[in-house]
């Protein structure tokens, strides 16, 4: 959107830039800066969500390993007590 606005400003100029064209360009650049900032915010949020999901998966994996280890120890004790 902002780049199209900027292109329209640039297409409308002839030899020199009028004050309205300068204002148009300035507004387009602000819009482009804002859209890039918003895109950055979205990407940053997605990255944080991804990192949180990775951390949760790692915790679940560790918990499963701990449960498996505890179960193996219980089975080993049962076998040992039979002897």
N, C-alpha and C. Protein backbone atom coordinates (compact mmCIF):
# COMPACT_ATOMS: atom_id res chain seq x y z
N UNK A 1 0.83 -1.19 0.00
CA UNK A 1 0.00 0.00 0.00
C UNK A 1 0.87 1.25 0.00
N UNK A 2 1.79 1.29 0.94
CA UNK A 2 2.64 2.48 1.06
C UNK A 2 3.55 2.63 -0.15
N UNK A 3 4.07 1.51 -0.66
CA UNK A 3 4.97 1.61 -1.81
C UNK A 3 4.20 2.06 -3.05
N UNK A 4 2.93 1.66 -3.18
CA UNK A 4 2.11 2.12 -4.30
C UNK A 4 1.89 3.62 -4.18
N UNK A 5 1.63 4.07 -2.98
CA UNK A 5 1.44 5.51 -2.73
C UNK A 5 2.71 6.26 -3.12
N UNK A 6 3.84 5.74 -2.69
CA UNK A 6 5.12 6.38 -3.00
C UNK A 6 5.33 6.44 -4.51
N UNK A 7 5.01 5.34 -5.20
CA UNK A 7 5.19 5.28 -6.66
C UNK A 7 4.30 6.31 -7.34
N UNK A 8 3.07 6.47 -6.85
CA UNK A 8 2.17 7.48 -7.42
C UNK A 8 2.75 8.88 -7.25
N UNK A 9 3.34 9.12 -6.09
CA UNK A 9 3.96 10.43 -5.86
C UNK A 9 5.09 10.66 -6.86
N UNK A 10 5.90 9.63 -7.04
CA UNK A 10 7.05 9.75 -7.93
C UNK A 10 6.61 9.88 -9.39
N UNK A 11 5.56 9.17 -9.77
CA UNK A 11 5.06 9.23 -11.15
C UNK A 11 4.46 10.59 -11.47
N UNK A 12 3.89 11.24 -10.46
CA UNK A 12 3.21 12.51 -10.72
C UNK A 12 4.18 13.68 -10.86
N UNK A 13 5.40 13.50 -10.43
CA UNK A 13 6.33 14.64 -10.51
C UNK A 13 6.90 14.78 -11.93
N UNK A 14 7.27 15.98 -12.25
CA UNK A 14 7.83 16.22 -13.57
C UNK A 14 9.31 16.57 -13.42
N UNK A 15 9.63 17.82 -13.35
CA UNK A 15 11.04 18.19 -13.23
C UNK A 15 11.41 18.52 -11.80
N UNK A 16 10.54 19.18 -11.09
CA UNK A 16 10.84 19.51 -9.70
C UNK A 16 9.72 18.99 -8.82
N UNK A 17 10.02 18.83 -7.56
CA UNK A 17 9.04 18.30 -6.62
C UNK A 17 8.31 19.46 -5.97
N UNK A 18 7.00 19.45 -6.09
CA UNK A 18 6.20 20.50 -5.45
C UNK A 18 6.04 20.18 -3.97
N UNK A 19 5.54 21.16 -3.22
CA UNK A 19 5.37 20.94 -1.78
C UNK A 19 4.33 19.86 -1.51
N UNK A 20 3.30 19.75 -2.33
CA UNK A 20 2.30 18.70 -2.13
C UNK A 20 2.90 17.32 -2.41
N UNK A 21 3.79 17.26 -3.40
CA UNK A 21 4.48 16.00 -3.68
C UNK A 21 5.41 15.62 -2.54
N UNK A 22 6.11 16.62 -1.98
CA UNK A 22 6.98 16.37 -0.85
C UNK A 22 6.17 15.82 0.32
N UNK A 23 5.00 16.43 0.54
CA UNK A 23 4.13 15.98 1.63
C UNK A 23 3.64 14.55 1.35
N UNK A 24 3.30 14.29 0.11
CA UNK A 24 2.84 12.97 -0.30
C UNK A 24 3.93 11.93 -0.03
N UNK A 25 5.14 12.24 -0.46
CA UNK A 25 6.27 11.33 -0.27
C UNK A 25 6.54 11.10 1.22
N UNK A 26 6.51 12.18 1.98
CA UNK A 26 6.75 12.09 3.42
C UNK A 26 5.70 11.18 4.07
N UNK A 27 4.44 11.36 3.70
CA UNK A 27 3.37 10.52 4.25
C UNK A 27 3.53 9.05 3.85
N UNK A 28 3.94 8.84 2.59
CA UNK A 28 4.16 7.46 2.14
C UNK A 28 5.30 6.80 2.90
N UNK A 29 6.39 7.55 3.12
CA UNK A 29 7.52 7.01 3.86
C UNK A 29 7.12 6.68 5.30
N UNK A 30 6.30 7.53 5.90
CA UNK A 30 5.81 7.25 7.25
C UNK A 30 4.98 5.96 7.26
N UNK A 31 4.13 5.82 6.24
CA UNK A 31 3.29 4.63 6.15
C UNK A 31 4.14 3.38 5.96
N UNK A 32 5.19 3.48 5.13
CA UNK A 32 6.08 2.34 4.92
C UNK A 32 6.81 1.99 6.20
N UNK A 33 7.27 3.00 6.93
CA UNK A 33 7.97 2.78 8.19
C UNK A 33 7.03 2.10 9.18
N UNK A 34 5.80 2.57 9.25
CA UNK A 34 4.81 1.99 10.16
C UNK A 34 4.52 0.54 9.80
N UNK A 35 4.35 0.26 8.51
CA UNK A 35 4.05 -1.12 8.10
C UNK A 35 5.23 -2.04 8.38
N UNK A 36 6.45 -1.56 8.19
CA UNK A 36 7.63 -2.38 8.52
C UNK A 36 7.71 -2.63 10.01
N UNK A 37 7.39 -1.61 10.80
CA UNK A 37 7.40 -1.76 12.26
C UNK A 37 6.36 -2.79 12.68
N UNK A 38 5.16 -2.71 12.09
CA UNK A 38 4.10 -3.68 12.42
C UNK A 38 4.53 -5.08 12.02
N UNK A 39 5.16 -5.21 10.85
CA UNK A 39 5.62 -6.52 10.41
C UNK A 39 6.67 -7.06 11.39
N UNK A 40 7.57 -6.20 11.85
CA UNK A 40 8.57 -6.59 12.82
C UNK A 40 7.91 -7.08 14.10
N UNK A 41 6.89 -6.35 14.57
CA UNK A 41 6.18 -6.74 15.79
C UNK A 41 5.55 -8.12 15.63
N UNK A 42 4.93 -8.35 14.48
CA UNK A 42 4.28 -9.64 14.22
C UNK A 42 5.32 -10.76 14.21
N UNK A 43 6.43 -10.53 13.51
CA UNK A 43 7.48 -11.55 13.45
C UNK A 43 8.09 -11.82 14.83
N UNK A 44 8.26 -10.76 15.59
CA UNK A 44 8.81 -10.92 16.94
C UNK A 44 7.85 -11.74 17.81
N UNK A 45 6.57 -11.48 17.70
CA UNK A 45 5.57 -12.22 18.47
C UNK A 45 5.56 -13.69 18.04
N UNK A 46 5.61 -13.94 16.75
CA UNK A 46 5.63 -15.32 16.24
C UNK A 46 6.88 -16.05 16.73
N UNK A 47 8.00 -15.35 16.76
CA UNK A 47 9.24 -15.94 17.24
C UNK A 47 9.12 -16.31 18.72
N UNK A 48 8.54 -15.41 19.51
CA UNK A 48 8.35 -15.69 20.94
C UNK A 48 7.43 -16.89 21.14
N UNK A 49 6.36 -16.97 20.34
CA UNK A 49 5.44 -18.10 20.44
C UNK A 49 6.16 -19.40 20.06
N UNK A 50 6.98 -19.34 19.02
CA UNK A 50 7.74 -20.52 18.59
C UNK A 50 8.70 -20.96 19.69
N UNK A 51 9.43 -20.00 20.27
CA UNK A 51 10.37 -20.34 21.34
C UNK A 51 9.64 -20.94 22.55
N UNK A 52 8.48 -20.40 22.88
CA UNK A 52 7.70 -20.93 24.00
C UNK A 52 7.25 -22.36 23.70
N UNK A 53 6.81 -22.61 22.48
CA UNK A 53 6.38 -23.94 22.07
C UNK A 53 7.56 -24.92 22.14
N UNK A 54 8.73 -24.49 21.68
CA UNK A 54 9.92 -25.33 21.75
C UNK A 54 10.26 -25.67 23.21
N UNK A 55 10.17 -24.67 24.06
CA UNK A 55 10.46 -24.85 25.48
C UNK A 55 9.46 -25.83 26.11
N UNK A 56 8.19 -25.69 25.77
CA UNK A 56 7.16 -26.60 26.28
C UNK A 56 7.39 -28.03 25.81
N UNK A 57 7.76 -28.19 24.55
CA UNK A 57 8.04 -29.52 24.02
C UNK A 57 9.24 -30.14 24.73
N UNK A 58 10.25 -29.34 25.00
CA UNK A 58 11.44 -29.83 25.69
C UNK A 58 11.08 -30.26 27.11
N UNK A 59 10.25 -29.47 27.79
CA UNK A 59 9.81 -29.83 29.14
C UNK A 59 9.02 -31.13 29.13
N UNK A 60 8.11 -31.27 28.16
CA UNK A 60 7.32 -32.50 28.04
C UNK A 60 8.23 -33.70 27.79
N UNK A 61 9.20 -33.53 26.93
CA UNK A 61 10.14 -34.60 26.62
C UNK A 61 10.92 -35.00 27.87
N UNK A 62 11.39 -34.01 28.62
CA UNK A 62 12.14 -34.27 29.84
C UNK A 62 11.26 -34.98 30.87
N UNK A 63 10.02 -34.53 30.99
CA UNK A 63 9.10 -35.15 31.94
C UNK A 63 8.84 -36.61 31.56
N UNK A 64 8.66 -36.87 30.29
CA UNK A 64 8.43 -38.24 29.80
C UNK A 64 9.64 -39.11 30.10
N UNK A 65 10.84 -38.58 29.88
CA UNK A 65 12.06 -39.34 30.17
C UNK A 65 12.16 -39.65 31.66
N UNK A 66 11.81 -38.67 32.49
CA UNK A 66 11.84 -38.88 33.93
C UNK A 66 10.83 -39.95 34.36
N UNK A 67 9.64 -39.91 33.78
CA UNK A 67 8.62 -40.90 34.10
C UNK A 67 9.07 -42.29 33.65
N UNK A 68 9.65 -42.38 32.46
CA UNK A 68 10.16 -43.67 31.97
C UNK A 68 11.25 -44.21 32.88
N UNK A 69 12.14 -43.34 33.29
CA UNK A 69 13.24 -43.75 34.16
C UNK A 69 12.69 -44.25 35.51
N UNK A 70 11.73 -43.54 36.06
CA UNK A 70 11.11 -43.94 37.33
C UNK A 70 10.42 -45.29 37.18
N UNK A 71 9.74 -45.50 36.07
CA UNK A 71 9.06 -46.77 35.81
C UNK A 71 10.08 -47.91 35.70
N UNK A 72 11.19 -47.64 35.03
CA UNK A 72 12.24 -48.67 34.90
C UNK A 72 12.82 -49.03 36.26
N UNK A 73 13.01 -48.03 37.10
CA UNK A 73 13.54 -48.28 38.45
C UNK A 73 12.57 -49.12 39.26
N UNK A 74 11.28 -48.86 39.15
CA UNK A 74 10.27 -49.63 39.86
C UNK A 74 10.29 -51.09 39.40
N UNK A 75 10.36 -51.28 38.10
CA UNK A 75 10.40 -52.63 37.55
C UNK A 75 11.67 -53.36 37.98
N UNK A 76 12.77 -52.66 38.00
CA UNK A 76 14.04 -53.24 38.42
C UNK A 76 13.95 -53.68 39.89
N UNK A 77 13.36 -52.83 40.75
CA UNK A 77 13.21 -53.17 42.17
C UNK A 77 12.32 -54.39 42.35
N UNK A 78 11.24 -54.47 41.55
CA UNK A 78 10.35 -55.63 41.62
C UNK A 78 11.11 -56.89 41.27
N UNK A 79 11.88 -56.83 40.21
CA UNK A 79 12.66 -57.99 39.76
C UNK A 79 13.71 -58.35 40.81
N UNK A 80 14.30 -57.38 41.38
CA UNK A 80 15.36 -57.61 42.37
C UNK A 80 14.77 -58.25 43.63
N UNK A 81 13.57 -57.81 44.02
CA UNK A 81 12.91 -58.35 45.20
C UNK A 81 12.46 -59.80 44.99
N UNK A 82 12.20 -60.19 43.77
CA UNK A 82 11.82 -61.57 43.46
C UNK A 82 12.98 -62.52 43.71
N UNK A 83 14.17 -62.05 43.55
CA UNK A 83 15.38 -62.90 43.69
C UNK A 83 15.67 -63.20 45.11
